[in-house]
């Protein structure tokens, strides 16, 4: 049985090498559009990811500042400091004498 298959395979003519035109091989306009869409989507994803990472980092920094400020403050009153003339700063813009 194998000899019959070998004889048939040997009898089948092999295709002769032909030159294929470049137009049939290139991706053309459809390939360019597909690659352009992939590039634009990739750029948009990178920009969105950068924004999200930056926003997360800022939130963590603010949370850390609030926690450290809450740990440093012993009372809920704003920090008061005595000026050279004896007045105290109450943390707002009104002057109290």
PDB file of N, CA and C in Angstrom:
ATOM      1  N   UNK A   1       0.815  -1.184   0.000  1.00  0.00           N
ATOM      2  CA  UNK A   1       0.000   0.000   0.000  1.00  0.00           C
ATOM      3  C   UNK A   1       0.867   1.260   0.000  1.00  0.00           C
ATOM      4  N   UNK A   2       1.961   1.225   0.737  1.00  0.00           N
ATOM      5  CA  UNK A   2       2.822   2.386   0.801  1.00  0.00           C
ATOM      6  C   UNK A   2       3.534   2.633  -0.529  1.00  0.00           C
ATOM      7  N   UNK A   3       3.768   1.601  -1.260  1.00  0.00           N
ATOM      8  CA  UNK A   3       4.422   1.784  -2.559  1.00  0.00           C
ATOM      9  C   UNK A   3       3.508   2.490  -3.542  1.00  0.00           C
ATOM     10  N   UNK A   4       2.208   2.248  -3.413  1.00  0.00           N
ATOM     11  CA  UNK A   4       1.249   2.907  -4.299  1.00  0.00           C
ATOM     12  C   UNK A   4       1.211   4.410  -3.982  1.00  0.00           C
ATOM     13  N   UNK A   5       1.194   4.760  -2.681  1.00  0.00           N
ATOM     14  CA  UNK A   5       1.172   6.161  -2.293  1.00  0.00           C
ATOM     15  C   UNK A   5       2.464   6.864  -2.707  1.00  0.00           C
ATOM     16  N   UNK A   6       3.579   6.188  -2.600  1.00  0.00           N
ATOM     17  CA  UNK A   6       4.844   6.759  -3.000  1.00  0.00           C
ATOM     18  C   UNK A   6       4.868   6.993  -4.503  1.00  0.00           C
ATOM     19  N   UNK A   7       4.313   6.071  -5.270  1.00  0.00           N
ATOM     20  CA  UNK A   7       4.282   6.213  -6.724  1.00  0.00           C
ATOM     21  C   UNK A   7       3.383   7.363  -7.129  1.00  0.00           C
ATOM     22  N   UNK A   8       2.242   7.530  -6.425  1.00  0.00           N
ATOM     23  CA  UNK A   8       1.323   8.628  -6.747  1.00  0.00           C
ATOM     24  C   UNK A   8       1.974   9.968  -6.399  1.00  0.00           C
ATOM     25  N   UNK A   9       2.641  10.056  -5.255  1.00  0.00           N
ATOM     26  CA  UNK A   9       3.294  11.282  -4.846  1.00  0.00           C
ATOM     27  C   UNK A   9       4.424  11.638  -5.802  1.00  0.00           C
ATOM     28  N   UNK A  10       5.141  10.639  -6.323  1.00  0.00           N
ATOM     29  CA  UNK A  10       6.230  10.893  -7.246  1.00  0.00           C
ATOM     30  C   UNK A  10       5.688  11.309  -8.606  1.00  0.00           C
ATOM     31  N   UNK A  11       4.527  10.815  -8.989  1.00  0.00           N
ATOM     32  CA  UNK A  11       3.957  11.121 -10.291  1.00  0.00           C
ATOM     33  C   UNK A  11       3.320  12.506 -10.323  1.00  0.00           C
ATOM     34  N   UNK A  12       2.931  13.037  -9.161  1.00  0.00           N
ATOM     35  CA  UNK A  12       2.285  14.356  -9.123  1.00  0.00           C
ATOM     36  C   UNK A  12       3.324  15.425  -9.443  1.00  0.00           C
ATOM     37  N   UNK A  13       3.021  16.261 -10.412  1.00  0.00           N
ATOM     38  CA  UNK A  13       4.013  17.287 -10.767  1.00  0.00           C
ATOM     39  C   UNK A  13       4.103  18.360  -9.686  1.00  0.00           C
ATOM     40  N   UNK A  14       5.303  18.802  -9.414  1.00  0.00           N
ATOM     41  CA  UNK A  14       5.484  19.866  -8.430  1.00  0.00           C
ATOM     42  C   UNK A  14       5.288  21.203  -9.145  1.00  0.00           C
ATOM     43  N   UNK A  15       4.718  22.155  -8.438  1.00  0.00           N
ATOM     44  CA  UNK A  15       4.489  23.443  -9.095  1.00  0.00           C
ATOM     45  C   UNK A  15       5.817  24.133  -9.392  1.00  0.00           C
ATOM     46  N   UNK A  16       5.866  24.771 -10.516  1.00  0.00           N
ATOM     47  CA  UNK A  16       7.090  25.477 -10.872  1.00  0.00           C
ATOM     48  C   UNK A  16       7.117  26.817 -10.145  1.00  0.00           C
ATOM     49  N   UNK A  17       8.269  27.284  -9.750  1.00  0.00           N
ATOM     50  CA  UNK A  17       8.339  28.550  -9.037  1.00  0.00           C
ATOM     51  C   UNK A  17       7.954  29.700  -9.962  1.00  0.00           C
ATOM     52  N   UNK A  18       7.067  30.529  -9.454  1.00  0.00           N
ATOM     53  CA  UNK A  18       6.640  31.692 -10.220  1.00  0.00           C
ATOM     54  C   UNK A  18       6.891  32.945  -9.391  1.00  0.00           C
ATOM     55  N   UNK A  19       6.998  34.050 -10.050  1.00  0.00           N
ATOM     56  CA  UNK A  19       7.211  35.323  -9.379  1.00  0.00           C
ATOM     57  C   UNK A  19       5.848  35.936  -9.109  1.00  0.00           C
ATOM     58  N   UNK A  20       5.595  36.228  -7.828  1.00  0.00           N
ATOM     59  CA  UNK A  20       4.319  36.817  -7.425  1.00  0.00           C
ATOM     60  C   UNK A  20       4.496  38.335  -7.426  1.00  0.00           C
ATOM     61  N   UNK A  21       3.558  39.080  -8.010  1.00  0.00           N
ATOM     62  CA  UNK A  21       3.685  40.544  -8.001  1.00  0.00           C
ATOM     63  C   UNK A  21       3.609  41.101  -6.579  1.00  0.00           C
ATOM     64  N   UNK A  22       4.336  42.195  -6.347  1.00  0.00           N
ATOM     65  CA  UNK A  22       4.374  42.800  -5.017  1.00  0.00           C
ATOM     66  C   UNK A  22       3.003  43.275  -4.555  1.00  0.00           C
ATOM     67  N   UNK A  23       2.140  43.636  -5.455  1.00  0.00           N
ATOM     68  CA  UNK A  23       0.811  44.130  -5.094  1.00  0.00           C
ATOM     69  C   UNK A  23       0.012  43.041  -4.397  1.00  0.00           C
ATOM     70  N   UNK A  24       0.208  41.807  -4.761  1.00  0.00           N
ATOM     71  CA  UNK A  24      -0.524  40.703  -4.149  1.00  0.00           C
ATOM     72  C   UNK A  24       0.006  40.356  -2.762  1.00  0.00           C
ATOM     73  N   UNK A  25       1.207  40.795  -2.415  1.00  0.00           N
ATOM     74  CA  UNK A  25       1.838  40.421  -1.160  1.00  0.00           C
ATOM     75  C   UNK A  25       1.698  41.509  -0.107  1.00  0.00           C
ATOM     76  N   UNK A  26       1.628  42.769  -0.470  1.00  0.00           N
ATOM     77  CA  UNK A  26       1.588  43.867   0.493  1.00  0.00           C
ATOM     78  C   UNK A  26       0.223  43.942   1.181  1.00  0.00           C
ATOM     79  N   UNK A  27       0.200  44.473   2.411  1.00  0.00           N
ATOM     80  CA  UNK A  27      -1.069  44.561   3.141  1.00  0.00           C
ATOM     81  C   UNK A  27      -1.999  45.635   2.588  1.00  0.00           C
ATOM     82  N   UNK A  28      -1.467  46.619   1.897  1.00  0.00           N
ATOM     83  CA  UNK A  28      -2.301  47.625   1.269  1.00  0.00           C
ATOM     84  C   UNK A  28      -2.902  48.600   2.267  1.00  0.00           C
ATOM     85  N   UNK A  29      -3.983  49.224   1.845  1.00  0.00           N
ATOM     86  CA  UNK A  29      -4.635  50.250   2.652  1.00  0.00           C
ATOM     87  C   UNK A  29      -5.260  49.641   3.911  1.00  0.00           C
ATOM     88  N   UNK A  30      -5.838  48.470   3.791  1.00  0.00           N
ATOM     89  CA  UNK A  30      -6.477  47.831   4.948  1.00  0.00           C
ATOM     90  C   UNK A  30      -5.451  47.548   6.052  1.00  0.00           C
ATOM     91  N   UNK A  31      -4.279  47.107   5.689  1.00  0.00           N
ATOM     92  CA  UNK A  31      -3.228  46.850   6.675  1.00  0.00           C
ATOM     93  C   UNK A  31      -2.754  48.133   7.334  1.00  0.00           C
ATOM     94  N   UNK A  32      -2.609  49.205   6.531  1.00  0.00           N
ATOM     95  CA  UNK A  32      -2.201  50.486   7.099  1.00  0.00           C
ATOM     96  C   UNK A  32      -3.243  50.995   8.082  1.00  0.00           C
ATOM     97  N   UNK A  33      -4.510  50.915   7.725  1.00  0.00           N
ATOM     98  CA  UNK A  33      -5.583  51.388   8.612  1.00  0.00           C
ATOM     99  C   UNK A  33      -5.606  50.572   9.897  1.00  0.00           C
ATOM    100  N   UNK A  34      -5.428  49.273   9.790  1.00  0.00           N
ATOM    101  CA  UNK A  34      -5.443  48.420  10.987  1.00  0.00           C
ATOM    102  C   UNK A  34      -4.292  48.783  11.925  1.00  0.00           C
ATOM    103  N   UNK A  35      -3.104  48.971  11.395  1.00  0.00           N
ATOM    104  CA  UNK A  35      -1.950  49.331  12.223  1.00  0.00           C
ATOM    105  C   UNK A  35      -2.129  50.721  12.818  1.00  0.00           C
ATOM    106  N   UNK A  36      -2.681  51.658  12.045  1.00  0.00           N
ATOM    107  CA  UNK A  36      -2.918  53.009  12.554  1.00  0.00           C
ATOM    108  C   UNK A  36      -3.919  52.984  13.708  1.00  0.00           C
ATOM    109  N   UNK A  37      -4.973  52.186  13.603  1.00  0.00           N
ATOM    110  CA  UNK A  37      -5.964  52.078  14.677  1.00  0.00           C
ATOM    111  C   UNK A  37      -5.324  51.478  15.924  1.00  0.00           C
ATOM    112  N   UNK A  38      -4.522  50.463  15.760  1.00  0.00           N
ATOM    113  CA  UNK A  38      -3.840  49.848  16.907  1.00  0.00           C
ATOM    114  C   UNK A  38      -2.912  50.860  17.575  1.00  0.00           C
ATOM    115  N   UNK A  39      -2.195  51.660  16.790  1.00  0.00           N
ATOM    116  CA  UNK A  39      -1.284  52.655  17.358  1.00  0.00           C
ATOM    117  C   UNK A  39      -2.051  53.723  18.128  1.00  0.00           C
ATOM    118  N   UNK A  40      -3.154  54.221  17.575  1.00  0.00           N
ATOM    119  CA  UNK A  40      -3.943  55.260  18.254  1.00  0.00           C
ATOM    120  C   UNK A  40      -4.536  54.715  19.542  1.00  0.00           C
ATOM    121  N   UNK A  41      -5.075  53.524  19.513  1.00  0.00           N
ATOM    122  CA  UNK A  41      -5.651  52.919  20.720  1.00  0.00           C
ATOM    123  C   UNK A  41      -4.574  52.715  21.784  1.00  0.00           C
ATOM    124  N   UNK A  42      -3.390  52.301  21.380  1.00  0.00           N
ATOM    125  CA  UNK A  42      -2.291  52.111  22.333  1.00  0.00           C
ATOM    126  C   UNK A  42      -1.899  53.424  22.987  1.00  0.00           C
ATOM    127  N   UNK A  43      -1.813  54.489  22.199  1.00  0.00           N
ATOM    128  CA  UNK A  43      -1.462  55.800  22.760  1.00  0.00           C
ATOM    129  C   UNK A  43      -2.529  56.260  23.747  1.00  0.00           C
ATOM    130  N   UNK A  44      -3.801  56.092  23.395  1.00  0.00           N
ATOM    131  CA  UNK A  44      -4.876  56.496  24.305  1.00  0.00           C
ATOM    132  C   UNK A  44      -4.852  55.689  25.602  1.00  0.00           C
ATOM    133  N   UNK A  45      -4.559  54.408  25.512  1.00  0.00           N
ATOM    134  CA  UNK A  45      -4.476  53.585  26.717  1.00  0.00           C
ATOM    135  C   UNK A  45      -3.312  53.996  27.605  1.00  0.00           C
ATOM    136  N   UNK A  46      -2.189  54.344  27.014  1.00  0.00           N
ATOM    137  CA  UNK A  46      -1.028  54.770  27.805  1.00  0.00           C
ATOM    138  C   UNK A  46      -1.336  56.088  28.519  1.00  0.00           C
ATOM    139  N   UNK A  47      -1.987  57.024  27.820  1.00  0.00           N
ATOM    140  CA  UNK A  47      -2.344  58.301  28.441  1.00  0.00           C
ATOM    141  C   UNK A  47      -3.319  58.081  29.591  1.00  0.00           C
ATOM    142  N   UNK A  48      -4.320  57.228  29.383  1.00  0.00           N
ATOM    143  CA  UNK A  48      -5.292  56.951  30.445  1.00  0.00           C
ATOM    144  C   UNK A  48      -4.624  56.275  31.638  1.00  0.00           C
ATOM    145  N   UNK A  49      -3.733  55.330  31.382  1.00  0.00           N
ATOM    146  CA  UNK A  49      -3.038  54.640  32.469  1.00  0.00           C
ATOM    147  C   UNK A  49      -2.171  55.620  33.264  1.00  0.00           C
ATOM    148  N   UNK A  50      -1.502  56.535  32.556  1.00  0.00           N
ATOM    149  CA  UNK A  50      -0.668  57.520  33.242  1.00  0.00           C
ATOM    150  C   UNK A  50      -1.507  58.403  34.149  1.00  0.00           C
ATOM    151  N   UNK A  51      -2.661  58.839  33.675  1.00  0.00           N
ATOM    152  CA  UNK A  51      -3.555  59.662  34.498  1.00  0.00           C
ATOM    153  C   UNK A  51      -4.012  58.910  35.740  1.00  0.00           C
ATOM    154  N   UNK A  52      -4.394  57.667  35.557  1.00  0.00           N
ATOM    155  CA  UNK A  52      -4.881  56.875  36.698  1.00  0.00           C
ATOM    156  C   UNK A  52      -3.781  56.645  37.727  1.00  0.00           C
ATOM    157  N   UNK A  53      -2.572  56.357  37.270  1.00  0.00           N
ATOM    158  CA  UNK A  53      -1.464  56.141  38.205  1.00  0.00           C
ATOM    159  C   UNK A  53      -1.149  57.426  38.953  1.00  0.00           C
ATOM    160  N   UNK A  54      -1.126  58.559  38.239  1.00  0.00           N
ATOM    161  CA  UNK A  54      -0.847  59.850  38.879  1.00  0.00           C
ATOM    162  C   UNK A  54      -1.930  60.182  39.899  1.00  0.00           C
ATOM    163  N   UNK A  55      -3.193  59.965  39.534  1.00  0.00           N
ATOM    164  CA  UNK A  55      -4.295  60.250  40.448  1.00  0.00           C
ATOM    165  C   UNK A  55      -4.207  59.378  41.700  1.00  0.00           C
ATOM    166  N   UNK A  56      -3.866  58.113  41.544  1.00  0.00           N
ATOM    167  CA  UNK A  56      -3.726  57.220  42.690  1.00  0.00           C
ATOM    168  C   UNK A  56      -2.576  57.658  43.590  1.00  0.00           C
ATOM    169  N   UNK A  57      -1.461  58.074  42.978  1.00  0.00           N
ATOM    170  CA  UNK A  57      -0.311  58.537  43.763  1.00  0.00           C
ATOM    171  C   UNK A  57      -0.656  59.804  44.544  1.00  0.00           C
ATOM    172  N   UNK A  58      -1.356  60.748  43.905  1.00  0.00           N
ATOM    173  CA  UNK A  58      -1.744  61.975  44.604  1.00  0.00           C
ATOM    174  C   UNK A  58      -2.700  61.687  45.750  1.00  0.00           C
ATOM    175  N   UNK A  59      -3.632  60.787  45.529  1.00  0.00           N
ATOM    176  CA  UNK A  59      -4.570  60.431  46.609  1.00  0.00           C
ATOM    177  C   UNK A  59      -3.826  59.822  47.788  1.00  0.00           C
ATOM    178  N   UNK A  60      -2.839  58.988  47.516  1.00  0.00           N
ATOM    179  CA  UNK A  60      -2.064  58.375  48.595  1.00  0.00           C
ATOM    180  C   UNK A  60      -1.260  59.430  49.351  1.00  0.00           C
ATOM    181  N   UNK A  61      -0.692  60.403  48.621  1.00  0.00           N
ATOM    182  CA  UNK A  61       0.066  61.466  49.283  1.00  0.00           C
ATOM    183  C   UNK A  61      -0.842  62.321  50.165  1.00  0.00           C
ATOM    184  N   UNK A  62      -2.022  62.651  49.668  1.00  0.00           N
ATOM    185  CA  UNK A  62      -2.959  63.461  50.449  1.00  0.00           C
ATOM    186  C   UNK A  62      -3.423  62.688  51.674  1.00  0.00           C
ATOM    187  N   UNK A  63      -3.721  61.409  51.506  1.00  0.00           N
ATOM    188  CA  UNK A  63      -4.148  60.583  52.637  1.00  0.00           C
ATOM    189  C   UNK A  63      -3.047  60.522  53.689  1.00  0.00           C
ATOM    190  N   UNK A  64      -1.797  60.390  53.239  1.00  0.00           N
ATOM    191  CA  UNK A  64      -0.675  60.331  54.174  1.00  0.00           C
ATOM    192  C   UNK A  64      -0.515  61.661  54.908  1.00  0.00           C
ATOM    193  N   UNK A  65      -0.665  62.787  54.206  1.00  0.00           N
ATOM    194  CA  UNK A  65      -0.580  64.094  54.860  1.00  0.00           C
ATOM    195  C   UNK A  65      -1.684  64.270  55.885  1.00  0.00           C
ATOM    196  N   UNK A  66      -2.900  63.873  55.530  1.00  0.00           N
ATOM    197  CA  UNK A  66      -4.012  64.017  56.467  1.00  0.00           C
ATOM    198  C   UNK A  66      -3.805  63.159  57.708  1.00  0.00           C
ATOM    199  N   UNK A  67      -3.305  61.943  57.497  1.00  0.00           N
ATOM    200  CA  UNK A  67      -3.046  61.074  58.643  1.00  0.00           C
ATOM    201  C   UNK A  67      -1.930  61.628  59.521  1.00  0.00           C
ATOM    202  N   UNK A  68      -0.891  62.173  58.896  1.00  0.00           N
ATOM    203  CA  UNK A  68       0.198  62.718  59.704  1.00  0.00           C
ATOM    204  C   UNK A  68      -0.250  63.996  60.410  1.00  0.00           C
ATOM    205  N   UNK A  69      -1.071  64.824  59.759  1.00  0.00           N
ATOM    206  CA  UNK A  69      -1.592  66.018  60.411  1.00  0.00           C
ATOM    207  C   UNK A  69      -2.530  65.644  61.556  1.00  0.00           C
ATOM    208  N   UNK A  70      -3.315  64.613  61.381  1.00  0.00           N
ATOM    209  CA  UNK A  70      -4.215  64.176  62.441  1.00  0.00           C
ATOM    210  C   UNK A  70      -3.417  63.604  63.615  1.00  0.00           C
ATOM    211  N   UNK A  71      -2.305  62.961  63.330  1.00  0.00           N
ATOM    212  CA  UNK A  71      -1.465  62.421  64.398  1.00  0.00           C
ATOM    213  C   UNK A  71      -0.715  63.497  65.148  1.00  0.00           C
ATOM    214  N   UNK A  72      -0.375  64.593  64.486  1.00  0.00           N
ATOM    215  CA  UNK A  72       0.374  65.677  65.122  1.00  0.00           C
ATOM    216  C   UNK A  72      -0.526  66.586  65.944  1.00  0.00           C
ATOM    217  N   UNK A  73      -1.747  66.753  65.540  1.00  0.00           N
ATOM    218  CA  UNK A  73      -2.657  67.665  66.246  1.00  0.00           C
ATOM    219  C   UNK A  73      -3.218  66.959  67.476  1.00  0.00           C
ATOM    220  N   UNK A  74      -3.083  67.618  68.624  1.00  0.00           N
ATOM    221  CA  UNK A  74      -3.602  67.022  69.858  1.00  0.00           C
ATOM    222  C   UNK A  74      -5.020  67.485  70.131  1.00  0.00           C
ATOM    223  N   UNK A  75      -5.418  68.612  69.567  1.00  0.00           N
ATOM    224  CA  UNK A  75      -6.778  69.109  69.741  1.00  0.00           C
ATOM    225  C   UNK A  75      -7.364  69.398  68.372  1.00  0.00           C
ATOM    226  N   UNK A  76      -8.655  69.682  68.339  1.00  0.00           N
ATOM    227  CA  UNK A  76      -9.314  69.995  67.093  1.00  0.00           C
ATOM    228  C   UNK A  76      -9.210  71.471  66.746  1.00  0.00           C
ATOM    229  N   UNK A  77      -8.671  72.298  67.656  1.00  0.00           N
ATOM    230  CA  UNK A  77      -8.558  73.723  67.405  1.00  0.00           C
ATOM    231  C   UNK A  77      -7.405  73.981  66.439  1.00  0.00           C
ATOM    232  N   UNK A  78      -7.507  75.069  65.653  1.00  0.00           N
ATOM    233  CA  UNK A  78      -6.385  75.391  64.781  1.00  0.00           C
ATOM    234  C   UNK A  78      -5.163  75.805  65.593  1.00  0.00           C
ATOM    235  N   UNK A  79      -4.027  75.637  64.995  1.00  0.00           N
ATOM    236  CA  UNK A  79      -2.775  75.958  65.695  1.00  0.00           C
ATOM    237  C   UNK A  79      -2.738  77.449  66.000  1.00  0.00           C
ATOM    238  N   UNK A  80      -2.350  77.791  67.216  1.00  0.00           N
ATOM    239  CA  UNK A  80      -2.251  79.188  67.635  1.00  0.00           C
ATOM    240  C   UNK A  80      -0.792  79.506  67.914  1.00  0.00           C
ATOM    241  N   UNK A  81      -0.380  80.671  67.487  1.00  0.00           N
ATOM    242  CA  UNK A  81       0.977  81.094  67.801  1.00  0.00           C
ATOM    243  C   UNK A  81       0.932  82.551  68.231  1.00  0.00           C
ATOM    244  N   UNK A  82       1.761  82.875  69.149  1.00  0.00           N
ATOM    245  CA  UNK A  82       1.796  84.246  69.662  1.00  0.00           C
ATOM    246  C   UNK A  82       2.746  85.061  68.822  1.00  0.00           C
ATOM    247  N   UNK A  83       2.259  86.188  68.323  1.00  0.00           N
ATOM    248  CA  UNK A  83       3.108  87.117  67.584  1.00  0.00           C
ATOM    249  C   UNK A  83       3.927  87.930  68.578  1.00  0.00           C
ATOM    250  N   UNK A  84       4.781  88.758  68.035  1.00  0.00           N
ATOM    251  CA  UNK A  84       5.637  89.566  68.900  1.00  0.00           C
ATOM    252  C   UNK A  84       4.835  90.602  69.686  1.00  0.00           C
ATOM    253  N   UNK A  85       3.680  91.000  69.137  1.00  0.00           N
ATOM    254  CA  UNK A  85       2.890  92.012  69.848  1.00  0.00           C
ATOM    255  C   UNK A  85       1.895  91.379  70.816  1.00  0.00           C
ATOM    256  N   UNK A  86       1.914  90.060  70.963  1.00  0.00           N
ATOM    257  CA  UNK A  86       1.055  89.418  71.943  1.00  0.00           C
ATOM    258  C   UNK A  86      -0.223  88.844  71.383  1.00  0.00           C
ATOM    259  N   UNK A  87      -0.538  89.122  70.124  1.00  0.00           N
ATOM    260  CA  UNK A  87      -1.751  88.567  69.547  1.00  0.00           C
ATOM    261  C   UNK A  87      -1.512  87.118  69.149  1.00  0.00           C
ATOM    262  N   UNK A  88      -2.576  86.373  69.081  1.00  0.00           N
ATOM    263  CA  UNK A  88      -2.460  84.980  68.663  1.00  0.00           C
ATOM    264  C   UNK A  88      -3.084  84.806  67.290  1.00  0.00           C
ATOM    265  N   UNK A  89      -2.509  83.950  66.507  1.00  0.00           N
ATOM    266  CA  UNK A  89      -3.034  83.657  65.178  1.00  0.00           C
ATOM    267  C   UNK A  89      -4.013  82.499  65.318  1.00  0.00           C
ATOM    268  N   UNK A  90      -5.249  82.720  64.896  1.00  0.00           N
ATOM    269  CA  UNK A  90      -6.269  81.691  65.055  1.00  0.00           C
ATOM    270  C   UNK A  90      -6.488  80.916  63.771  1.00  0.00           C
ATOM    271  N   UNK A  91      -5.729  81.208  62.753  1.00  0.00           N
ATOM    272  CA  UNK A  91      -5.812  80.424  61.545  1.00  0.00           C
ATOM    273  C   UNK A  91      -6.800  80.945  60.520  1.00  0.00           C
ATOM    274  N   UNK A  92      -7.457  82.073  60.776  1.00  0.00           N
ATOM    275  CA  UNK A  92      -8.343  82.652  59.785  1.00  0.00           C
ATOM    276  C   UNK A  92      -7.926  84.086  59.494  1.00  0.00           C
ATOM    277  N   UNK A  93      -8.651  84.758  58.662  1.00  0.00           N
ATOM    278  CA  UNK A  93      -8.244  86.100  58.233  1.00  0.00           C
ATOM    279  C   UNK A  93      -8.784  87.220  59.113  1.00  0.00           C
ATOM    280  N   UNK A  94      -9.575  86.913  60.085  1.00  0.00           N
ATOM    281  CA  UNK A  94     -10.118  87.969  60.957  1.00  0.00           C
ATOM    282  C   UNK A  94      -9.093  88.308  62.017  1.00  0.00           C
ATOM    283  N   UNK A  95      -9.017  89.589  62.355  1.00  0.00           N
ATOM    284  CA  UNK A  95      -8.075  90.019  63.396  1.00  0.00           C
ATOM    285  C   UNK A  95      -8.792  90.093  64.731  1.00  0.00           C
ATOM    286  N   UNK A  96      -8.179  89.557  65.709  1.00  0.00           N
ATOM    287  CA  UNK A  96      -8.732  89.587  67.066  1.00  0.00           C
ATOM    288  C   UNK A  96      -7.683  90.209  67.965  1.00  0.00           C
ATOM    289  N   UNK A  97      -8.093  91.099  68.775  1.00  0.00           N
ATOM    290  CA  UNK A  97      -7.099  91.777  69.568  1.00  0.00           C
ATOM    291  C   UNK A  97      -7.084  91.422  71.024  1.00  0.00           C
TER     292      UNK A  97
END
